Amino acid sequence: MTAGLLAGTATRPLLFAWTVPAGAPLRHSCPACDTPARAAVRLLAPPRGRCAACRTPWSADHGLPEAMTALVFALIAASGLTGWIAAAHYWTAACGMALILIDAKVNRLPNVLTIPAFAGVIVLLVGAAANGEHGSVLRSLAAAATLGATFFLMTFGGIGLGDVKLAPTLGALLGWHSWAGVFLGTFAMFALAVGGFCTFQPVVDGGECPRKLDCEGCDRFVMSGADLLYWHRKREQWGSMAERAPDDKTADYLHSLFEPTGQAIDGLEKALAALGLLDEALALDLRRPQDYFGRIWSTAFRATDLAAAADDGLLDEWTGEEA
């Protein structure tokens, strides 16, 4: 637990510098008083999220990096892992918690964390293999390459390069244990990242998806109020892709490809507005523990119904049947 608190504290300077939108200059000093970062963010000071010199807030994460990292470290310790493989899990957890906090706020996974995360986990896994610990470093490398290549191919569908750079780290760590761990971990990542959830009971019970995880147009795919900001970011990415298209024909094709999902996003906004939950959904901040218990998490609709929500009569009919 203490190690987790210290690891979380050590990420504060990175969070201060890198929690800025992609393309914006890094924060090397306090924006209010211009105090250098090393003096503005004191590692041994209480985690108040304020500049140590002028007390101007720079983060709402009061102690959250420390708390999250300590919790994950405690779970790893409780699992019974020891030696080099335990160190690999601790390293990935420390980097991962910082990445989660940055991604939740500015939707980016900076190289300053993804690349050291991969390098560190590979070194530690090689150490585990050299020490004769149970597992396979060759399987780790194969899983890292497979997951990295898979995520790279998915950049054509809107996944960011930060996800591509993080995938090999997770693949290597899961691959050390088994291929089943890789598959289950990858499925869990998609389940968390797809911006909704599946209500088809065989899949919920762990069975194979008959649509091969193609959620587009599936009447069992559900979107909740907590997914709205995710889909706003995805729509911005899709618009950017269409703008960069080499010709008008390709741009029109991309717009037509994304149109059904865009209609579902508009329908979700209408449904939340009808229930008086739109402002809460737009203000969702997953860095605050209380935001995980709001009504928007239990207010969900079938994506196919949302796409048809332009029909106000239909909207009136099923806003009273929230999940």
Protein backbone atom coordinates (compact mmCIF):
# COMPACT_ATOMS: atom_id res chain seq x y z
CA MET A 1 0.00 0.00 0.00
CA THR A 2 2.80 2.40 0.93
CA ALA A 3 4.62 1.60 -2.31
CA GLY A 4 1.44 2.41 -4.23
CA LEU A 5 1.07 5.75 -2.49
CA LEU A 6 4.67 6.62 -3.32
CA ALA A 7 4.28 5.51 -6.94
CA GLY A 8 1.14 7.61 -7.30
CA THR A 9 2.93 10.60 -5.80
CA ALA A 10 5.80 10.16 -8.27
CA THR A 11 3.37 10.59 -11.20
CA ARG A 12 2.25 14.08 -10.11
CA PRO A 13 4.86 15.98 -12.17
CA LEU A 14 3.89 13.95 -15.26
CA LEU A 15 0.20 14.65 -14.68
CA PHE A 16 0.95 18.35 -14.24
CA ALA A 17 2.99 18.56 -17.45
CA TRP A 18 1.02 16.25 -19.74
CA THR A 19 -2.62 16.88 -18.83
CA VAL A 20 -3.01 19.26 -21.75
CA PRO A 21 -4.81 18.74 -25.08
CA ALA A 22 -2.86 17.04 -27.87
CA GLY A 23 -0.84 19.64 -29.78
CA ALA A 24 -0.81 22.11 -26.90
CA PRO A 25 2.55 22.97 -25.27
CA LEU A 26 3.42 21.07 -22.12
CA ARG A 27 3.10 22.79 -18.77
CA HIS A 28 6.63 23.42 -17.51
CA SER A 29 5.50 26.05 -14.99
CA CYS A 30 2.43 27.22 -13.13
CA PRO A 31 0.18 29.09 -15.62
CA ALA A 32 -0.75 31.62 -12.92
CA CYS A 33 2.60 32.57 -11.33
CA ASP A 34 5.14 31.00 -13.71
CA THR A 35 6.78 29.01 -10.92
CA PRO A 36 8.80 26.12 -12.45
CA ALA A 37 7.05 22.75 -12.29
CA ARG A 38 9.59 21.23 -9.88
CA ALA A 39 8.72 23.94 -7.34
CA ALA A 40 5.01 24.21 -8.16
CA VAL A 41 4.43 20.46 -7.73
CA ARG A 42 6.19 19.31 -4.60
CA LEU A 43 6.30 15.55 -4.20
CA LEU A 44 6.49 15.63 -0.40
CA ALA A 45 3.62 18.10 0.02
CA PRO A 46 0.00 17.02 0.68
CA PRO A 47 -1.83 16.18 -2.59
CA ARG A 48 -4.04 19.28 -2.81
CA GLY A 49 -3.77 19.80 -6.60
CA ARG A 50 -2.60 23.40 -6.14
CA CYS A 51 0.56 25.28 -7.03
CA ALA A 52 2.86 25.23 -4.01
CA ALA A 53 3.78 28.89 -4.60
CA CYS A 54 0.55 30.74 -5.42
CA ARG A 55 -2.04 28.08 -4.40
CA THR A 56 -3.78 28.26 -7.78
CA PRO A 57 -5.56 24.93 -8.48
CA TRP A 58 -4.06 22.94 -11.36
CA SER A 59 -5.95 19.69 -10.82
CA ALA A 60 -9.15 18.42 -9.21
CA ASP A 61 -7.46 15.07 -8.50
CA HIS A 62 -7.00 15.59 -4.77
CA GLY A 63 -5.06 12.46 -3.81
CA LEU A 64 -6.64 10.41 -6.62
CA PRO A 65 -3.33 9.32 -8.26
CA GLU A 66 -2.09 8.06 -4.90
CA ALA A 67 -5.38 6.36 -4.00
CA MET A 68 -5.82 4.62 -7.37
CA THR A 69 -2.25 3.37 -7.53
CA ALA A 70 -2.30 2.19 -3.92
CA LEU A 71 -5.53 0.26 -4.53
CA VAL A 72 -4.16 -1.52 -7.61
CA PHE A 73 -0.88 -2.28 -5.84
CA ALA A 74 -2.87 -3.80 -2.96
CA LEU A 75 -4.82 -6.00 -5.40
CA ILE A 76 -1.58 -7.21 -7.01
CA ALA A 77 -0.11 -8.00 -3.60
CA ALA A 78 -3.30 -9.86 -2.63
CA SER A 79 -3.03 -11.99 -5.79
CA GLY A 80 0.10 -13.65 -4.40
CA LEU A 81 2.41 -12.64 -7.25
CA THR A 82 6.06 -12.33 -6.28
CA GLY A 83 9.44 -11.77 -7.87
CA TRP A 84 10.06 -10.27 -11.29
CA ILE A 85 6.55 -10.96 -12.59
CA ALA A 86 5.07 -9.06 -9.65
CA ALA A 87 7.41 -6.16 -10.44
CA ALA A 88 6.14 -6.21 -14.04
CA HIS A 89 2.56 -5.88 -12.80
CA TYR A 90 3.45 -3.09 -10.39
CA TRP A 91 5.28 -1.19 -13.15
CA THR A 92 2.37 -1.53 -15.56
CA ALA A 93 -0.07 -0.45 -12.84
CA ALA A 94 1.95 2.68 -11.98
CA CYS A 95 2.16 3.75 -15.63
CA GLY A 96 -1.42 2.70 -16.31
CA MET A 97 -2.99 4.73 -13.52
CA ALA A 98 -1.27 7.89 -14.76
CA LEU A 99 -2.40 7.14 -18.31
CA ILE A 100 -6.00 6.64 -17.17
CA LEU A 101 -6.05 10.00 -15.40
CA ILE A 102 -4.57 11.85 -18.39
CA ASP A 103 -6.81 10.08 -20.90
CA ALA A 104 -9.96 10.74 -18.83
CA LYS A 105 -9.29 14.47 -18.86
CA VAL A 106 -7.72 15.28 -22.26
CA ASN A 107 -8.23 12.07 -24.28
CA ARG A 108 -4.56 11.30 -24.93
CA LEU A 109 -2.00 8.62 -24.02
CA PRO A 110 1.40 10.34 -24.15
CA ASN A 111 4.56 8.58 -25.35
CA VAL A 112 6.37 9.61 -22.18
CA LEU A 113 4.33 6.91 -20.41
CA THR A 114 3.38 4.35 -23.08
CA ILE A 115 6.93 3.75 -24.33
CA PRO A 116 8.58 3.37 -20.87
CA ALA A 117 5.65 1.14 -19.85
CA PHE A 118 6.43 -1.26 -22.70
CA ALA A 119 10.19 -1.13 -22.27
CA GLY A 120 9.94 -1.69 -18.53
CA VAL A 121 7.54 -4.61 -18.73
CA ILE A 122 9.69 -6.37 -21.35
CA VAL A 123 12.84 -5.97 -19.22
CA LEU A 124 11.04 -7.29 -16.15
CA LEU A 125 9.52 -10.23 -18.01
CA VAL A 126 12.93 -11.18 -19.40
CA GLY A 127 14.19 -11.03 -15.82
CA ALA A 128 11.34 -13.32 -14.74
CA ALA A 129 12.25 -15.80 -17.49
CA ALA A 130 15.93 -15.71 -16.55
CA ASN A 131 14.96 -16.37 -12.93
CA GLY A 132 12.93 -19.42 -13.93
CA GLU A 133 9.53 -18.01 -12.94
CA HIS A 134 6.46 -19.75 -14.33
CA GLY A 135 5.37 -18.24 -17.67
CA SER A 136 6.62 -17.72 -21.21
CA VAL A 137 8.53 -14.69 -22.44
CA LEU A 138 8.21 -15.90 -26.05
CA ARG A 139 4.43 -15.98 -25.69
CA SER A 140 4.62 -12.49 -24.17
CA LEU A 141 6.50 -11.15 -27.19
CA ALA A 142 4.11 -12.88 -29.61
CA ALA A 143 1.07 -11.50 -27.75
CA ALA A 144 2.60 -8.00 -27.70
CA ALA A 145 3.17 -8.12 -31.47
CA THR A 146 -0.28 -9.55 -32.15
CA LEU A 147 -2.14 -7.02 -30.03
CA GLY A 148 -0.05 -4.13 -31.34
CA ALA A 149 -0.69 -5.12 -34.96
CA THR A 150 -4.40 -5.60 -34.29
CA PHE A 151 -4.78 -2.17 -32.73
CA PHE A 152 -2.75 -0.58 -35.53
CA LEU A 153 -5.15 -1.97 -38.12
CA MET A 154 -8.00 -0.55 -36.08
CA THR A 155 -6.64 3.00 -36.42
CA PHE A 156 -8.50 3.06 -39.74
CA GLY A 157 -11.68 2.81 -37.67
CA GLY A 158 -10.86 5.66 -35.33
CA ILE A 159 -8.68 4.17 -32.58
CA GLY A 160 -5.87 6.54 -31.62
CA LEU A 161 -2.15 5.84 -31.91
CA GLY A 162 -1.84 6.11 -28.13
CA ASP A 163 -3.97 2.97 -27.82
CA VAL A 164 -1.73 1.27 -30.39
CA LYS A 165 1.37 2.06 -28.33
CA LEU A 166 -0.23 0.87 -25.10
CA ALA A 167 -1.59 -2.40 -26.52
CA PRO A 168 1.81 -4.23 -26.71
CA THR A 169 2.41 -3.58 -23.00
CA LEU A 170 -0.89 -5.17 -22.03
CA GLY A 171 -0.38 -7.96 -24.56
CA ALA A 172 3.06 -8.79 -23.17
CA LEU A 173 1.87 -8.84 -19.56
CA LEU A 174 -1.20 -10.97 -20.30
CA GLY A 175 0.75 -13.20 -22.69
CA TRP A 176 3.18 -14.16 -19.95
CA HIS A 177 0.34 -16.02 -18.24
CA SER A 178 -1.59 -17.58 -21.16
CA TRP A 179 -3.22 -16.94 -24.53
CA ALA A 180 -6.57 -17.27 -22.80
CA GLY A 181 -5.59 -14.31 -20.63
CA VAL A 182 -4.76 -12.31 -23.76
CA PHE A 183 -8.13 -13.05 -25.34
CA LEU A 184 -10.12 -12.35 -22.17
CA GLY A 185 -8.16 -9.16 -21.48
CA THR A 186 -8.64 -7.93 -25.04
CA PHE A 187 -12.37 -8.64 -24.87
CA ALA A 188 -12.57 -6.71 -21.59
CA MET A 189 -10.77 -3.74 -23.15
CA PHE A 190 -13.24 -3.65 -26.04
CA ALA A 191 -16.17 -4.04 -23.67
CA LEU A 192 -14.96 -1.00 -21.72
CA ALA A 193 -13.97 1.06 -24.75
CA VAL A 194 -16.84 0.45 -27.13
CA GLY A 195 -18.96 3.15 -25.48
CA GLY A 196 -21.84 0.92 -24.46
CA PHE A 197 -22.56 -2.61 -23.32
CA CYS A 198 -24.01 -5.85 -24.60
CA THR A 199 -27.25 -7.26 -23.17
CA PHE A 200 -27.19 -10.56 -25.13
CA GLN A 201 -27.19 -13.09 -22.28
CA PRO A 202 -24.91 -15.74 -23.89
CA VAL A 203 -22.23 -13.06 -24.37
CA VAL A 204 -22.79 -11.68 -20.86
CA ASP A 205 -22.24 -15.21 -19.56
CA GLY A 206 -18.91 -15.38 -21.40
CA GLY A 207 -20.03 -17.07 -24.62
CA GLU A 208 -19.05 -16.22 -28.17
CA CYS A 209 -20.65 -13.21 -29.84
CA PRO A 210 -22.62 -14.40 -32.93
CA ARG A 211 -21.93 -11.05 -34.61
CA LYS A 212 -18.14 -11.32 -34.03
CA LEU A 213 -18.23 -8.20 -31.78
CA ASP A 214 -19.74 -6.11 -34.60
CA CYS A 215 -22.05 -3.89 -32.52
CA GLU A 216 -23.18 -1.71 -35.45
CA GLY A 217 -26.93 -2.11 -35.81
CA CYS A 218 -27.19 -4.82 -33.12
CA ASP A 219 -30.42 -4.46 -31.15
CA ARG A 220 -28.69 -5.95 -28.08
CA PHE A 221 -26.12 -3.14 -27.95
CA VAL A 222 -27.09 -0.56 -25.34
CA MET A 223 -25.84 3.00 -24.84
CA SER A 224 -26.15 4.72 -21.47
CA GLY A 225 -25.97 8.34 -20.41
CA ALA A 226 -22.45 7.69 -19.11
CA ASP A 227 -21.34 6.92 -22.70
CA LEU A 228 -22.33 10.29 -24.19
CA LEU A 229 -18.96 12.05 -23.81
CA TYR A 230 -17.16 9.03 -25.28
CA TRP A 231 -19.32 9.17 -28.38
CA HIS A 232 -18.85 12.94 -28.68
CA ARG A 233 -15.08 12.33 -28.89
CA LYS A 234 -15.58 9.53 -31.42
CA ARG A 235 -17.73 11.78 -33.62
CA GLU A 236 -14.99 14.44 -33.54
CA GLN A 237 -12.45 11.80 -34.61
CA TRP A 238 -14.69 10.64 -37.45
CA GLY A 239 -15.21 14.20 -38.64
CA SER A 240 -11.46 14.74 -38.63
CA MET A 241 -10.94 11.57 -40.67
CA ALA A 242 -13.49 12.71 -43.26
CA GLU A 243 -11.86 16.15 -43.50
CA ARG A 244 -8.51 14.51 -44.24
CA ALA A 245 -9.97 12.29 -46.96
CA PRO A 246 -8.08 12.52 -50.28
CA ASP A 247 -11.20 13.34 -52.30
CA ASP A 248 -14.89 14.22 -51.94
CA LYS A 249 -16.03 10.71 -52.86
CA THR A 250 -14.06 9.17 -50.00
CA ALA A 251 -15.27 11.88 -47.61
CA ASP A 252 -18.89 11.22 -48.58
CA TYR A 253 -18.36 7.50 -48.05
CA LEU A 254 -16.94 8.07 -44.56
CA HIS A 255 -19.83 10.38 -43.65
CA SER A 256 -22.34 7.74 -44.81
CA LEU A 257 -20.47 5.06 -42.86
CA PHE A 258 -20.65 7.04 -39.63
CA GLU A 259 -24.17 8.44 -40.16
CA PRO A 260 -26.11 5.66 -38.35
CA THR A 261 -23.94 6.01 -35.26
CA GLY A 262 -24.26 9.80 -35.46
CA GLN A 263 -28.04 9.40 -35.46
CA ALA A 264 -27.80 7.19 -32.38
CA ILE A 265 -25.68 9.83 -30.62
CA ASP A 266 -28.28 12.50 -31.45
CA GLY A 267 -31.01 10.18 -30.19
CA LEU A 268 -29.12 9.58 -26.94
CA GLU A 269 -28.90 13.35 -26.39
CA LYS A 270 -32.64 13.74 -27.03
CA ALA A 271 -33.50 10.91 -24.66
CA LEU A 272 -31.29 12.27 -21.88
CA ALA A 273 -32.72 15.75 -22.39
CA ALA A 274 -36.25 14.36 -22.15
CA LEU A 275 -35.33 12.78 -18.81
CA GLY A 276 -33.56 15.89 -17.54
CA LEU A 277 -30.19 14.11 -17.47
CA LEU A 278 -28.37 15.75 -20.38
CA ASP A 279 -26.47 18.31 -18.29
CA GLU A 280 -25.35 15.59 -15.86
CA ALA A 281 -24.09 13.42 -18.73
CA LEU A 282 -22.15 16.32 -20.27
CA ALA A 283 -20.59 17.19 -16.91
CA LEU A 284 -19.48 13.62 -16.16
CA ASP A 285 -15.94 13.58 -14.71
CA LEU A 286 -14.73 10.05 -14.03
CA ARG A 287 -11.94 11.34 -11.81
CA ARG A 288 -14.53 11.95 -9.07
CA PRO A 289 -15.69 8.78 -7.27
CA GLN A 290 -19.23 10.11 -6.83
CA ASP A 291 -19.66 10.28 -10.61
CA TYR A 292 -19.76 6.47 -10.77
CA PHE A 293 -23.04 6.34 -8.83
CA GLY A 294 -25.22 8.77 -10.78
CA ARG A 295 -28.49 7.91 -12.47
CA ILE A 296 -26.93 8.25 -15.92
CA TRP A 297 -25.19 4.89 -15.44
CA SER A 298 -28.51 3.07 -15.15
CA THR A 299 -30.28 5.09 -17.85
CA ALA A 300 -29.70 3.21 -21.10
CA PHE A 301 -31.35 2.59 -24.46
CA ARG A 302 -30.93 0.26 -27.40
CA ALA A 303 -28.66 1.85 -30.01
CA THR A 304 -31.07 0.90 -32.81
CA ASP A 305 -33.89 2.76 -31.02
CA LEU A 306 -31.68 5.79 -30.50
CA ALA A 307 -30.95 5.95 -34.23
CA ALA A 308 -34.70 6.24 -34.83
CA ALA A 309 -35.25 8.87 -32.13
CA ALA A 310 -35.87 11.59 -34.73
CA ASP A 311 -39.45 10.31 -34.49
CA ASP A 312 -40.60 12.28 -31.44
CA GLY A 313 -43.53 9.93 -30.94
CA LEU A 314 -41.19 6.98 -30.61
CA LEU A 315 -39.01 8.98 -28.23
CA ASP A 316 -42.01 9.66 -25.97
CA GLU A 317 -42.87 5.97 -26.05
CA TRP A 318 -39.58 4.52 -24.80
CA THR A 319 -38.01 7.19 -22.59
CA GLY A 320 -40.14 5.73 -19.84
CA GLU A 321 -38.58 2.29 -20.39
CA GLU A 322 -35.01 3.13 -19.39
CA ALA A 323 -32.77 0.22 -18.50
